[in-house]
Amino acid sequence: MNIVNRTLTLNPLTGNGTYECIAGCKVELNMGDVAQFALPNFRGYTLTCYLEGVDVPPNPHDHLHTFVPEKNWRNVGDLIDMDHVFRAELSRQVLNEDAGSNDEIRAVFVLTNNSTGEPVTKRSVTRYLQG
């Protein structure tokens, strides 16, 4: 299983100090992943996404926002070749991860096999907001 075509767009909305945050990706499954859908006790996959502020090591990355709802699949047709998009309108205060300087933000996608608990984590490119 893999997460590809990862994107993050931060569009400022005029007049109210908020941003439309759009994170998107596609999920790729290999033949073994697809075959699991035929198993009677297979619990499917869950895709989650959150925004993190990117900081210089050794500082931890700030967890800024978790998109809801998460996406759950028990049918392979709902998962493959689909764009999976998360949207939220967030204030500048939420996205302000570096006071007084540029804010570096990226989307983190986590795809989990609900039967095995195996996760795959992939990040989008970093986007910058001016401080």
C-alpha atoms as a PDB file:
ATOM      1  CA  MET A   1       0.000   0.000   0.000  1.00  0.00           C
ATOM      2  CA  ASN A   2       1.200   3.469  -0.835  1.00  0.00           C
ATOM      3  CA  ILE A   3       0.036   7.102  -0.800  1.00  0.00           C
ATOM      4  CA  VAL A   4       0.842   9.103  -3.945  1.00  0.00           C
ATOM      5  CA  ASN A   5       0.042  12.487  -5.535  1.00  0.00           C
ATOM      6  CA  ARG A   6       0.146  14.221  -2.152  1.00  0.00           C
ATOM      7  CA  THR A   7      -0.836  17.889  -2.256  1.00  0.00           C
ATOM      8  CA  LEU A   8      -1.507  20.734   0.124  1.00  0.00           C
ATOM      9  CA  THR A   9      -3.076  24.052  -0.839  1.00  0.00           C
ATOM     10  CA  LEU A  10      -3.488  26.980   1.561  1.00  0.00           C
ATOM     11  CA  ASN A  11      -5.787  29.614   0.049  1.00  0.00           C
ATOM     12  CA  PRO A  12      -6.241  32.865   1.999  1.00  0.00           C
ATOM     13  CA  LEU A  13      -9.876  33.903   2.262  1.00  0.00           C
ATOM     14  CA  THR A  14     -10.320  37.638   1.967  1.00  0.00           C
ATOM     15  CA  GLY A  15     -11.639  39.701   4.801  1.00  0.00           C
ATOM     16  CA  ASN A  16     -11.741  37.184   7.626  1.00  0.00           C
ATOM     17  CA  GLY A  17      -8.120  36.107   8.298  1.00  0.00           C
ATOM     18  CA  THR A  18      -8.754  32.460   7.534  1.00  0.00           C
ATOM     19  CA  TYR A  19      -7.377  29.979   5.020  1.00  0.00           C
ATOM     20  CA  GLU A  20      -9.062  27.258   3.025  1.00  0.00           C
ATOM     21  CA  CYS A  21      -6.794  24.257   3.604  1.00  0.00           C
ATOM     22  CA  ILE A  22      -7.084  21.456   1.059  1.00  0.00           C
ATOM     23  CA  ALA A  23      -5.023  18.270   1.367  1.00  0.00           C
ATOM     24  CA  GLY A  24      -5.327  15.532  -1.237  1.00  0.00           C
ATOM     25  CA  CYS A  25      -3.819  12.216  -2.265  1.00  0.00           C
ATOM     26  CA  LYS A  26      -4.385   8.937  -4.059  1.00  0.00           C
ATOM     27  CA  VAL A  27      -3.962   5.467  -2.580  1.00  0.00           C
ATOM     28  CA  GLU A  28      -2.196   2.662  -4.429  1.00  0.00           C
ATOM     29  CA  LEU A  29      -2.634  -0.972  -3.424  1.00  0.00           C
ATOM     30  CA  ASN A  30      -0.607  -3.913  -4.678  1.00  0.00           C
ATOM     31  CA  MET A  31      -2.278  -7.209  -5.617  1.00  0.00           C
ATOM     32  CA  GLY A  32      -1.777  -8.625  -2.108  1.00  0.00           C
ATOM     33  CA  ASP A  33      -3.464  -5.582  -0.576  1.00  0.00           C
ATOM     34  CA  VAL A  34      -6.421  -5.910  -2.969  1.00  0.00           C
ATOM     35  CA  ALA A  35      -6.744  -9.657  -2.309  1.00  0.00           C
ATOM     36  CA  GLN A  36      -7.338  -8.954   1.387  1.00  0.00           C
ATOM     37  CA  PHE A  37     -10.757  -7.486   0.564  1.00  0.00           C
ATOM     38  CA  ALA A  38     -11.933 -11.035  -0.251  1.00  0.00           C
ATOM     39  CA  LEU A  39     -11.111 -12.282   3.260  1.00  0.00           C
ATOM     40  CA  PRO A  40     -14.230 -12.608   5.438  1.00  0.00           C
ATOM     41  CA  ASN A  41     -12.684 -10.908   8.497  1.00  0.00           C
ATOM     42  CA  PHE A  42     -10.842  -8.130   6.655  1.00  0.00           C
ATOM     43  CA  ARG A  43     -11.541  -4.808   8.367  1.00  0.00           C
ATOM     44  CA  GLY A  44     -10.504  -2.495   5.527  1.00  0.00           C
ATOM     45  CA  TYR A  45      -8.320   0.600   5.439  1.00  0.00           C
ATOM     46  CA  THR A  46      -8.455   3.974   7.146  1.00  0.00           C
ATOM     47  CA  LEU A  47      -6.917   7.162   5.752  1.00  0.00           C
ATOM     48  CA  THR A  48      -6.329  10.099   8.078  1.00  0.00           C
ATOM     49  CA  CYS A  49      -4.710  13.461   7.480  1.00  0.00           C
ATOM     50  CA  TYR A  50      -3.339  16.207   9.684  1.00  0.00           C
ATOM     51  CA  LEU A  51      -1.336  19.395   9.288  1.00  0.00           C
ATOM     52  CA  GLU A  52       2.038  19.763  10.927  1.00  0.00           C
ATOM     53  CA  GLY A  53       4.302  22.737  11.386  1.00  0.00           C
ATOM     54  CA  VAL A  54       7.799  21.943  10.183  1.00  0.00           C
ATOM     55  CA  ASP A  55      10.533  22.792  12.683  1.00  0.00           C
ATOM     56  CA  VAL A  56      14.300  22.417  12.590  1.00  0.00           C
ATOM     57  CA  PRO A  57      15.645  19.358  14.468  1.00  0.00           C
ATOM     58  CA  PRO A  58      15.875  18.669  17.333  1.00  0.00           C
ATOM     59  CA  ASN A  59      12.576  20.545  17.815  1.00  0.00           C
ATOM     60  CA  PRO A  60       9.480  18.390  17.316  1.00  0.00           C
ATOM     61  CA  HIS A  61       7.055  19.202  14.515  1.00  0.00           C
ATOM     62  CA  ASP A  62       3.900  20.921  15.788  1.00  0.00           C
ATOM     63  CA  HIS A  63       0.590  19.109  15.247  1.00  0.00           C
ATOM     64  CA  LEU A  64      -1.613  21.973  14.017  1.00  0.00           C
ATOM     65  CA  HIS A  65      -4.913  20.420  12.925  1.00  0.00           C
ATOM     66  CA  THR A  66      -6.516  17.016  12.288  1.00  0.00           C
ATOM     67  CA  PHE A  67      -8.964  16.823   9.395  1.00  0.00           C
ATOM     68  CA  VAL A  68     -12.276  15.113  10.117  1.00  0.00           C
ATOM     69  CA  PRO A  69     -13.788  12.832   9.245  1.00  0.00           C
ATOM     70  CA  GLU A  70     -11.249  10.131   8.555  1.00  0.00           C
ATOM     71  CA  LYS A  71     -11.937   7.976   5.507  1.00  0.00           C
ATOM     72  CA  ASN A  72     -12.717   4.279   5.965  1.00  0.00           C
ATOM     73  CA  TRP A  73     -13.036   1.625   3.274  1.00  0.00           C
ATOM     74  CA  ARG A  74     -14.190  -1.968   3.274  1.00  0.00           C
ATOM     75  CA  ASN A  75     -14.792  -2.039  -0.479  1.00  0.00           C
ATOM     76  CA  VAL A  76     -11.853  -1.872  -2.876  1.00  0.00           C
ATOM     77  CA  GLY A  77     -13.908   0.023  -5.473  1.00  0.00           C
ATOM     78  CA  ASP A  78     -14.229   3.005  -3.127  1.00  0.00           C
ATOM     79  CA  LEU A  79     -10.488   3.251  -2.638  1.00  0.00           C
ATOM     80  CA  ILE A  80      -8.596   2.692  -5.876  1.00  0.00           C
ATOM     81  CA  ASP A  81      -8.182   5.430  -8.508  1.00  0.00           C
ATOM     82  CA  MET A  82     -10.044   7.959  -6.396  1.00  0.00           C
ATOM     83  CA  ASP A  83      -8.855  11.362  -5.242  1.00  0.00           C
ATOM     84  CA  HIS A  84      -9.108  11.584  -1.464  1.00  0.00           C
ATOM     85  CA  VAL A  85      -9.537  15.173  -0.336  1.00  0.00           C
ATOM     86  CA  PHE A  86      -9.606  16.720   3.130  1.00  0.00           C
ATOM     87  CA  ARG A  87     -10.841  20.317   3.599  1.00  0.00           C
ATOM     88  CA  ALA A  88     -11.005  22.759   6.460  1.00  0.00           C
ATOM     89  CA  GLU A  89     -11.213  26.516   6.962  1.00  0.00           C
ATOM     90  CA  LEU A  90      -8.611  27.442   9.567  1.00  0.00           C
ATOM     91  CA  SER A  91      -7.649  30.705  11.220  1.00  0.00           C
ATOM     92  CA  ARG A  92      -4.213  32.224  10.919  1.00  0.00           C
ATOM     93  CA  GLN A  93      -3.762  31.532  14.648  1.00  0.00           C
ATOM     94  CA  VAL A  94      -4.072  27.764  14.073  1.00  0.00           C
ATOM     95  CA  LEU A  95      -1.560  27.853  11.220  1.00  0.00           C
ATOM     96  CA  ASN A  96       0.883  30.154  13.056  1.00  0.00           C
ATOM     97  CA  GLU A  97       3.523  27.628  14.098  1.00  0.00           C
ATOM     98  CA  ASP A  98       6.489  30.041  14.175  1.00  0.00           C
ATOM     99  CA  ALA A  99       5.640  33.347  15.865  1.00  0.00           C
ATOM    100  CA  GLY A 100       7.044  36.290  13.936  1.00  0.00           C
ATOM    101  CA  SER A 101       8.504  34.343  11.023  1.00  0.00           C
ATOM    102  CA  ASN A 102       7.411  32.292   8.042  1.00  0.00           C
ATOM    103  CA  ASP A 103       5.243  29.291   8.847  1.00  0.00           C
ATOM    104  CA  GLU A 104       6.204  26.013   7.173  1.00  0.00           C
ATOM    105  CA  ILE A 105       3.246  23.639   6.945  1.00  0.00           C
ATOM    106  CA  ARG A 106       2.713  20.246   5.362  1.00  0.00           C
ATOM    107  CA  ALA A 107      -0.011  17.617   5.270  1.00  0.00           C
ATOM    108  CA  VAL A 108       0.675  14.210   6.787  1.00  0.00           C
ATOM    109  CA  PHE A 109      -1.345  11.295   5.383  1.00  0.00           C
ATOM    110  CA  VAL A 110      -1.573   8.003   7.282  1.00  0.00           C
ATOM    111  CA  LEU A 111      -3.064   4.907   5.630  1.00  0.00           C
ATOM    112  CA  THR A 112      -3.696   2.038   8.046  1.00  0.00           C
ATOM    113  CA  ASN A 113      -4.612  -1.583   7.343  1.00  0.00           C
ATOM    114  CA  ASN A 114      -7.288  -2.062  10.016  1.00  0.00           C
ATOM    115  CA  SER A 115      -6.736  -5.827  10.190  1.00  0.00           C
ATOM    116  CA  THR A 116      -2.967  -5.762  10.736  1.00  0.00           C
ATOM    117  CA  GLY A 117      -2.551  -2.280  12.195  1.00  0.00           C
ATOM    118  CA  GLU A 118       0.209  -1.615   9.637  1.00  0.00           C
ATOM    119  CA  PRO A 119       0.441   2.121   8.827  1.00  0.00           C
ATOM    120  CA  VAL A 120       2.034   3.933   5.894  1.00  0.00           C
ATOM    121  CA  THR A 121       2.818   7.613   6.488  1.00  0.00           C
ATOM    122  CA  LYS A 122       3.612  10.098   3.714  1.00  0.00           C
ATOM    123  CA  ARG A 123       3.971  13.868   3.741  1.00  0.00           C
ATOM    124  CA  SER A 124       3.119  16.539   1.190  1.00  0.00           C
ATOM    125  CA  VAL A 125       5.579  19.172   0.103  1.00  0.00           C
ATOM    126  CA  THR A 126       5.992  22.029   2.547  1.00  0.00           C
ATOM    127  CA  ARG A 127       3.945  25.183   2.003  1.00  0.00           C
ATOM    128  CA  TYR A 128       4.904  28.578   3.411  1.00  0.00           C
ATOM    129  CA  LEU A 129       2.804  31.329   4.967  1.00  0.00           C
ATOM    130  CA  GLN A 130       4.443  34.702   5.398  1.00  0.00           C
ATOM    131  CA  GLY A 131       4.919  35.758   9.056  1.00  0.00           C
END
